Amino acid sequence: RQIRPGDWRGNGWYRMMRPAGTMIPSRSPGQKRCGTDLAGWTTSRHPSRRGESSVMNICFAWGNNSCHMRGRITATNCGDYYVYYLVEQPFIYYRYCAA
């Protein structure tokens, strides 16, 4: 069994909040950022209208490869913030970033 960060509760809906940031970044933060070795960021646009949801592509940066591993999540625009349906990654070193 792998040890997980304290705020991770498995697959489910999450809201990014300050001071970490309020949304998943749309640019690679690079390797060893966001408190982990492989930082997750999106290559997709966030939904623009309140109540709109969209499937987004996620990449995890490692070394010179900003998209070492790929995945998909769902984001919902809640007006003043987004919520994300995040899925478990294969190793604890893969974490979603906030900006």
Protein backbone atom coordinates (compact mmCIF):
# COMPACT_ATOMS: atom_id res chain seq x y z
CA ARG A 1 0.00 0.00 0.00
CA GLN A 2 1.32 3.42 -0.96
CA ILE A 3 1.29 6.36 1.42
CA ARG A 4 -0.75 9.28 0.07
CA PRO A 5 -0.59 13.00 0.83
CA GLY A 6 -2.93 14.06 3.64
CA ASP A 7 -5.34 15.98 1.39
CA TRP A 8 -5.82 13.17 -1.14
CA ARG A 9 -9.01 11.14 -0.64
CA GLY A 10 -8.94 9.07 -3.83
CA ASN A 11 -10.89 9.59 -7.04
CA GLY A 12 -13.37 12.41 -6.57
CA TRP A 13 -14.21 16.10 -6.83
CA TYR A 14 -11.65 18.62 -5.56
CA ARG A 15 -11.46 22.39 -5.40
CA MET A 16 -8.09 24.14 -5.62
CA MET A 17 -7.78 26.85 -2.98
CA ARG A 18 -5.37 29.52 -1.83
CA PRO A 19 -2.60 29.68 -0.85
CA ALA A 20 -1.69 26.87 -3.29
CA GLY A 21 -3.73 28.43 -6.11
CA THR A 22 -7.27 28.34 -7.43
CA MET A 23 -6.95 26.30 -10.62
CA ILE A 24 -4.81 23.69 -12.34
CA PRO A 25 -2.22 25.56 -14.43
CA SER A 26 -2.34 25.55 -18.23
CA ARG A 27 1.46 25.71 -18.51
CA SER A 28 3.96 23.19 -17.30
CA PRO A 29 5.35 24.17 -13.90
CA GLY A 30 8.37 21.97 -14.62
CA GLN A 31 9.84 19.08 -12.71
CA LYS A 32 10.03 19.11 -8.91
CA ARG A 33 7.34 21.76 -8.45
CA CYS A 34 4.11 21.77 -6.43
CA GLY A 35 5.66 19.68 -3.68
CA THR A 36 6.36 16.66 -5.88
CA ASP A 37 8.65 15.19 -8.52
CA LEU A 38 6.04 15.00 -11.33
CA ALA A 39 3.73 18.03 -11.34
CA GLY A 40 0.35 17.78 -13.10
CA TRP A 41 -0.92 20.55 -15.39
CA THR A 42 -3.52 20.81 -18.15
CA THR A 43 -3.06 21.21 -21.89
CA SER A 44 -6.77 22.02 -22.28
CA ARG A 45 -8.82 25.16 -21.82
CA HIS A 46 -10.94 25.47 -18.71
CA PRO A 47 -14.71 25.62 -19.32
CA SER A 48 -15.71 29.27 -19.79
CA ARG A 49 -19.40 29.29 -18.79
CA ARG A 50 -20.82 28.80 -15.31
CA GLY A 51 -22.17 25.27 -14.93
CA GLU A 52 -20.19 24.00 -17.92
CA SER A 53 -18.06 20.86 -17.53
CA SER A 54 -15.36 19.58 -19.84
CA VAL A 55 -12.92 16.71 -20.03
CA MET A 56 -9.37 18.05 -19.86
CA ASN A 57 -6.05 16.52 -20.77
CA ILE A 58 -3.47 16.38 -17.98
CA CYS A 59 0.29 16.06 -18.32
CA PHE A 60 2.89 15.34 -15.67
CA ALA A 61 6.25 17.03 -16.17
CA TRP A 62 9.50 15.07 -15.74
CA GLY A 63 12.99 16.21 -16.75
CA ASN A 64 12.93 17.86 -20.16
CA ASN A 65 9.61 16.22 -20.99
CA SER A 66 6.72 18.47 -19.95
CA CYS A 67 4.26 15.68 -20.77
CA HIS A 68 6.02 12.55 -19.48
CA MET A 69 2.70 10.95 -18.55
CA ARG A 70 -0.81 11.82 -19.75
CA GLY A 71 -4.25 11.48 -18.27
CA ARG A 72 -7.75 12.98 -18.27
CA ILE A 73 -9.81 14.78 -15.67
CA THR A 74 -13.11 16.65 -15.66
CA ALA A 75 -13.39 20.33 -14.74
CA THR A 76 -16.59 22.22 -13.90
CA ASN A 77 -16.91 26.01 -13.91
CA CYS A 78 -18.70 27.07 -10.72
CA GLY A 79 -18.60 30.79 -11.49
CA ASP A 80 -15.94 32.09 -9.10
CA TYR A 81 -13.98 28.84 -9.01
CA TYR A 82 -13.52 25.44 -10.65
CA VAL A 83 -13.96 21.96 -9.27
CA TYR A 84 -12.11 19.01 -10.74
CA TYR A 85 -12.83 15.31 -10.82
CA LEU A 86 -9.32 13.99 -10.22
CA VAL A 87 -8.24 10.40 -10.59
CA GLU A 88 -5.67 8.35 -8.74
CA GLN A 89 -2.25 8.28 -10.37
CA PRO A 90 0.01 5.21 -10.40
CA PHE A 91 2.62 6.55 -7.96
CA ILE A 92 2.66 9.10 -5.14
CA TYR A 93 5.17 11.20 -7.09
CA TYR A 94 2.44 12.23 -9.56
CA ARG A 95 0.46 15.12 -8.09
CA TYR A 96 -1.88 17.73 -9.47
CA CYS A 97 -0.59 21.30 -9.36
CA ALA A 98 -2.49 24.47 -8.46
CA ALA A 99 -1.69 27.99 -9.62
